Amino acid sequence: MKIRGQQLRAQQWNVSIENAWETSGSLFASGLRGETPVVLKLCKQPGDEWNAGEVLRAFDGEGTVRVLESDAGAVLLERLDPGTQLVELVRRGDDAEATEILAQVMHQMAHHTPPPVCPTVMDWARGFDRYVDAGDTQVPLDLVTAAAESFRRLAATQQNTMLLHGDLQHYNVLFDSSRGWVAIDPKGVVGELEYEIGAILRNPVEPPDLFASTTVIDRRLHVLTEALNLNYRRALEWSFAQAVLSAIWEIEDGHAVGPNNPALRLAGQLKRSVKSA
């Protein structure tokens, strides 16, 4: 049934499928539309990327992959070639260069008007309440309380809100030989630009000793906030609160979260940095 839906959408959008694959949340196919290389993506069920087409249209290709067709849960995108993930730079020891690239992509994506379908960062704060109400104990309650307070205070005092990617990090930025580095898979959320830095600080998840290092945290924050003229303190606090919320989302997705969870390790370090800032 899923493959049939993919074939029907490809037929509707005049796509000749060459390859198809599947992830836990989506169906993908690459092929041609006429002579144009494209990627077809279908979400298996409503979720964070269900309205990705509307979000990408709002970015208008500035710092993001271009959308050719879209519908709820389905998008037809330009195919990026070779499509190398930015995380490869970090793996080879070029984290500083990767951070500068992320700053450039953030600059391109900044100051776009969000479509009506986008939630606000305050809407995302409900995750803290859901966690407390569920009675789970994997994330210490004092950490949840501190993060929720910071998150809501920051959300209530934003000055310049805009459309944000919502998950801008090293796995979601790809290289194209003609366009350079561009972002994919936006969730779409409304908030201030300082909020966008949080996902960058907690990635890549493979080397937690890297991103939990106070030296790396400080270097990344300085590069990003100075390049984009942002408030260092607010970016630091947002990153702390988001790290805790990220761990909560992992639990909601059915994953076990222990003391060595990367997001919680980062949250602990960021909490100490907030106190000393």
Protein backbone atom coordinates (compact mmCIF):
# COMPACT_ATOMS: atom_id res chain seq x y z
CA MET A 1 0.00 0.00 0.00
CA LYS A 2 2.84 2.42 0.87
CA ILE A 3 4.70 1.70 -2.35
CA ARG A 4 1.46 2.07 -4.30
CA GLY A 5 0.96 5.53 -2.78
CA GLN A 6 4.50 6.47 -3.78
CA GLN A 7 3.89 5.32 -7.35
CA LEU A 8 0.64 7.26 -7.58
CA ARG A 9 2.28 10.45 -6.35
CA ALA A 10 5.16 9.96 -8.79
CA GLN A 11 2.66 9.57 -11.60
CA GLN A 12 0.76 12.67 -10.50
CA TRP A 13 3.95 14.76 -10.52
CA ASN A 14 5.40 13.20 -13.69
CA VAL A 15 8.36 11.55 -11.96
CA SER A 16 10.19 8.57 -13.43
CA ILE A 17 11.46 6.66 -10.37
CA GLU A 18 14.98 5.23 -10.53
CA ASN A 19 15.62 4.28 -6.88
CA ALA A 20 13.45 4.00 -3.77
CA TRP A 21 14.21 3.59 -0.10
CA GLU A 22 12.52 3.86 3.28
CA THR A 23 13.28 5.25 6.73
CA SER A 24 11.33 4.84 9.95
CA GLY A 25 9.23 7.91 9.17
CA SER A 26 9.26 8.41 5.40
CA LEU A 27 9.31 6.89 1.93
CA PHE A 28 11.82 8.27 -0.56
CA ALA A 29 12.39 7.92 -4.28
CA SER A 30 14.90 9.52 -6.60
CA GLY A 31 14.39 9.91 -10.31
CA LEU A 32 13.78 12.35 -13.10
CA ARG A 33 11.07 14.85 -13.93
CA GLY A 34 11.77 15.41 -17.57
CA GLU A 35 15.51 16.01 -17.46
CA THR A 36 15.52 17.39 -13.92
CA PRO A 37 16.91 15.14 -11.14
CA VAL A 38 14.42 15.08 -8.25
CA VAL A 39 13.69 13.43 -4.90
CA LEU A 40 10.17 12.46 -3.83
CA LYS A 41 9.48 12.25 -0.10
CA LEU A 42 6.28 10.95 1.51
CA CYS A 43 5.76 11.04 5.29
CA LYS A 44 4.20 7.86 6.65
CA GLN A 45 2.05 9.74 9.14
CA PRO A 46 1.47 13.31 10.36
CA GLY A 47 4.36 14.71 12.35
CA ASP A 48 6.96 17.47 12.52
CA GLU A 49 7.64 17.44 8.77
CA TRP A 50 4.06 16.96 7.53
CA ASN A 51 3.92 20.56 6.27
CA ALA A 52 7.52 20.68 5.01
CA GLY A 53 6.36 21.78 1.57
CA GLU A 54 4.72 24.95 2.89
CA VAL A 55 7.72 25.67 5.09
CA LEU A 56 10.19 25.24 2.23
CA ARG A 57 8.08 27.48 -0.02
CA ALA A 58 8.23 30.18 2.67
CA PHE A 59 12.04 29.98 2.66
CA ASP A 60 11.90 30.35 -1.14
CA GLY A 61 15.10 28.36 -1.66
CA GLU A 62 17.20 30.82 0.37
CA GLY A 63 19.54 28.50 2.24
CA THR A 64 17.24 25.51 1.71
CA VAL A 65 16.55 22.82 -0.85
CA ARG A 66 14.00 23.98 -3.43
CA VAL A 67 10.54 22.44 -3.51
CA LEU A 68 8.95 21.75 -6.89
CA GLU A 69 5.61 20.30 -5.77
CA SER A 70 4.03 19.76 -2.39
CA ASP A 71 0.97 18.51 -0.60
CA ALA A 72 0.28 17.51 3.00
CA GLY A 73 2.84 14.88 3.87
CA ALA A 74 4.45 14.87 0.42
CA VAL A 75 7.12 16.95 -1.31
CA LEU A 76 8.98 16.83 -4.60
CA LEU A 77 12.43 18.38 -4.24
CA GLU A 78 15.39 19.27 -6.37
CA ARG A 79 18.03 16.54 -6.02
CA LEU A 80 21.26 17.77 -4.44
CA ASP A 81 24.46 16.45 -5.98
CA PRO A 82 26.49 14.91 -4.41
CA GLY A 83 24.38 15.55 -1.28
CA THR A 84 27.25 15.16 1.20
CA GLN A 85 26.18 15.83 4.80
CA LEU A 86 27.92 18.62 6.71
CA VAL A 87 28.63 16.11 9.47
CA GLU A 88 31.44 14.73 7.27
CA LEU A 89 33.46 17.88 7.96
CA VAL A 90 33.19 17.29 11.71
CA ARG A 91 34.18 13.64 11.30
CA ARG A 92 37.40 14.68 9.60
CA GLY A 93 38.19 17.24 12.31
CA ASP A 94 36.85 20.43 10.70
CA ASP A 95 34.23 21.42 13.29
CA ALA A 96 35.26 25.08 13.13
CA GLU A 97 34.66 25.19 9.37
CA ALA A 98 31.33 23.38 9.79
CA THR A 99 30.21 25.98 12.35
CA GLU A 100 31.07 28.82 9.96
CA ILE A 101 29.04 27.11 7.23
CA LEU A 102 26.06 26.75 9.56
CA ALA A 103 26.29 30.46 10.34
CA GLN A 104 26.16 31.22 6.60
CA VAL A 105 23.13 28.95 6.11
CA MET A 106 21.37 30.53 9.09
CA HIS A 107 22.01 33.97 7.59
CA GLN A 108 20.43 32.94 4.29
CA MET A 109 17.40 31.43 6.02
CA ALA A 110 16.79 34.34 8.39
CA HIS A 111 13.90 36.84 8.24
CA HIS A 112 11.27 34.87 6.34
CA THR A 113 7.58 35.06 7.15
CA PRO A 114 6.21 31.79 8.59
CA PRO A 115 3.20 30.09 6.99
CA PRO A 116 0.09 29.75 9.21
CA VAL A 117 0.72 26.01 9.76
CA CYS A 118 3.84 26.63 11.86
CA PRO A 119 3.76 26.30 15.66
CA THR A 120 5.61 28.74 17.88
CA VAL A 121 8.42 27.88 20.25
CA MET A 122 5.96 28.50 23.09
CA ASP A 123 3.78 25.73 21.63
CA TRP A 124 6.78 23.40 21.85
CA ALA A 125 7.16 24.26 25.56
CA ARG A 126 4.15 22.01 26.24
CA GLY A 127 6.57 19.10 26.11
CA PHE A 128 7.75 19.99 29.61
CA ASP A 129 4.19 19.79 30.97
CA ARG A 130 3.53 16.49 29.20
CA TYR A 131 6.66 15.03 30.77
CA VAL A 132 5.79 16.14 34.30
CA ASP A 133 2.20 14.92 33.92
CA ALA A 134 3.41 11.52 32.70
CA GLY A 135 5.30 10.95 35.95
CA ASP A 136 8.47 9.79 34.18
CA THR A 137 11.71 9.98 36.15
CA GLN A 138 14.42 9.47 33.51
CA VAL A 139 15.17 13.19 33.39
CA PRO A 140 15.69 14.69 36.89
CA LEU A 141 12.73 16.86 37.86
CA ASP A 142 14.94 19.75 39.00
CA LEU A 143 16.53 19.83 35.55
CA VAL A 144 13.12 19.79 33.86
CA THR A 145 11.88 22.60 36.10
CA ALA A 146 14.93 24.78 35.44
CA ALA A 147 14.77 24.18 31.68
CA ALA A 148 11.03 24.86 31.50
CA GLU A 149 11.44 28.12 33.40
CA SER A 150 14.24 29.28 31.12
CA PHE A 151 12.40 28.19 27.97
CA ARG A 152 9.18 30.03 28.84
CA ARG A 153 10.96 33.18 30.03
CA LEU A 154 12.96 33.35 26.81
CA ALA A 155 9.88 32.68 24.68
CA ALA A 156 7.96 35.45 26.43
CA THR A 157 10.74 38.03 25.92
CA GLN A 158 11.56 37.48 22.23
CA GLN A 159 11.96 40.68 20.22
CA ASN A 160 12.19 39.61 16.57
CA THR A 161 10.51 36.35 15.67
CA MET A 162 10.62 34.68 12.26
CA LEU A 163 10.37 31.35 10.48
CA LEU A 164 13.01 28.94 11.78
CA HIS A 165 14.10 25.55 10.49
CA GLY A 166 13.56 24.00 13.93
CA ASP A 167 16.23 21.29 13.55
CA LEU A 168 19.13 22.96 11.79
CA GLN A 169 22.21 20.84 12.39
CA HIS A 170 25.00 18.91 10.70
CA TYR A 171 22.89 16.02 9.38
CA ASN A 172 20.33 18.38 7.81
CA VAL A 173 22.73 20.48 5.75
CA LEU A 174 23.91 18.98 2.44
CA PHE A 175 26.35 20.06 -0.26
CA ASP A 176 25.29 20.65 -3.84
CA SER A 177 27.90 21.24 -6.54
CA SER A 178 25.97 24.18 -8.00
CA ARG A 179 24.28 25.71 -4.94
CA GLY A 180 26.75 25.04 -2.14
CA TRP A 181 25.52 24.09 1.34
CA VAL A 182 21.73 24.01 1.79
CA ALA A 183 19.36 22.83 4.53
CA ILE A 184 16.82 20.02 4.22
CA ASP A 185 13.98 18.59 6.34
CA PRO A 186 12.70 21.73 8.11
CA LYS A 187 10.19 21.29 10.92
CA GLY A 188 9.12 24.92 10.74
CA VAL A 189 8.67 26.86 13.98
CA VAL A 190 8.27 30.55 14.83
CA GLY A 191 10.86 32.05 17.15
CA GLU A 192 13.89 34.31 17.46
CA LEU A 193 17.10 33.40 15.67
CA GLU A 194 18.95 32.63 18.92
CA TYR A 195 16.65 29.60 19.27
CA GLU A 196 18.02 28.03 16.08
CA ILE A 197 21.47 27.54 17.62
CA GLY A 198 20.31 24.86 20.10
CA ALA A 199 20.21 21.96 17.61
CA ILE A 200 23.68 22.87 16.34
CA LEU A 201 25.19 22.68 19.82
CA ARG A 202 23.87 19.18 20.51
CA ASN A 203 25.14 17.71 17.24
CA PRO A 204 26.67 15.62 15.81
CA VAL A 205 25.56 13.03 18.34
CA GLU A 206 28.35 10.57 17.50
CA PRO A 207 31.15 12.36 19.43
CA PRO A 208 29.45 13.67 22.62
CA ASP A 209 32.86 14.44 24.11
CA LEU A 210 33.22 17.02 21.34
CA PHE A 211 29.96 18.92 21.71
CA ALA A 212 29.92 18.68 25.53
CA SER A 213 33.34 20.34 25.72
CA THR A 214 33.19 23.82 27.25
CA THR A 215 35.83 24.96 24.76
CA VAL A 216 33.79 23.75 21.77
CA ILE A 217 30.53 25.15 23.18
CA ASP A 218 32.09 28.57 23.71
CA ARG A 219 33.79 28.60 20.29
CA ARG A 220 30.62 27.56 18.46
CA LEU A 221 28.50 30.11 20.31
CA HIS A 222 30.93 32.94 19.65
CA VAL A 223 31.19 32.11 15.93
CA LEU A 224 27.42 31.87 15.48
CA THR A 225 26.36 34.84 17.61
CA GLU A 226 29.06 37.18 16.26
CA ALA A 227 28.42 36.23 12.62
CA LEU A 228 24.67 36.79 13.02
CA ASN A 229 24.77 39.64 15.58
CA LEU A 230 22.87 37.60 18.18
CA ASN A 231 22.68 37.68 21.97
CA TYR A 232 25.23 35.19 23.36
CA ARG A 233 23.49 34.78 26.72
CA ARG A 234 20.07 34.09 25.19
CA ALA A 235 21.54 31.60 22.72
CA LEU A 236 23.28 29.83 25.62
CA GLU A 237 20.11 29.64 27.72
CA TRP A 238 17.98 28.50 24.76
CA SER A 239 20.49 25.74 24.08
CA PHE A 240 20.31 24.53 27.68
CA ALA A 241 16.51 24.45 27.75
CA GLN A 242 16.33 22.77 24.34
CA ALA A 243 18.80 20.06 25.34
CA VAL A 244 16.47 19.02 28.15
CA LEU A 245 13.43 19.21 25.88
CA SER A 246 15.28 17.10 23.31
CA ALA A 247 15.78 14.36 25.90
CA ILE A 248 12.06 14.55 26.73
CA TRP A 249 11.18 14.17 23.05
CA GLU A 250 13.42 11.08 22.89
CA ILE A 251 11.43 9.54 25.72
CA GLU A 252 8.17 10.40 23.98
CA ASP A 253 9.52 8.62 20.90
CA GLY A 254 9.98 5.46 22.95
CA HIS A 255 13.71 5.63 23.68
CA ALA A 256 15.30 5.07 27.07
CA VAL A 257 17.25 8.06 28.38
CA GLY A 258 19.97 7.57 30.98
CA PRO A 259 22.51 9.87 32.67
CA ASN A 260 24.94 9.45 29.74
CA ASN A 261 22.37 10.49 27.15
CA PRO A 262 24.13 13.03 24.86
CA ALA A 263 21.41 15.68 25.24
CA LEU A 264 21.44 15.39 29.03
CA ARG A 265 25.25 15.51 29.14
CA LEU A 266 25.13 18.70 27.14
CA ALA A 267 22.32 20.09 29.30
CA GLY A 268 24.40 19.57 32.43
CA GLN A 269 27.37 21.38 30.93
CA LEU A 270 25.23 24.22 29.56
CA LYS A 271 23.51 24.68 32.92
CA ARG A 272 26.92 25.22 34.53
CA SER A 273 27.87 27.63 31.74
CA VAL A 274 24.66 29.62 32.24
CA LYS A 275 25.42 30.00 35.93
CA SER A 276 28.94 31.25 35.26
CA ALA A 277 28.09 33.49 32.28
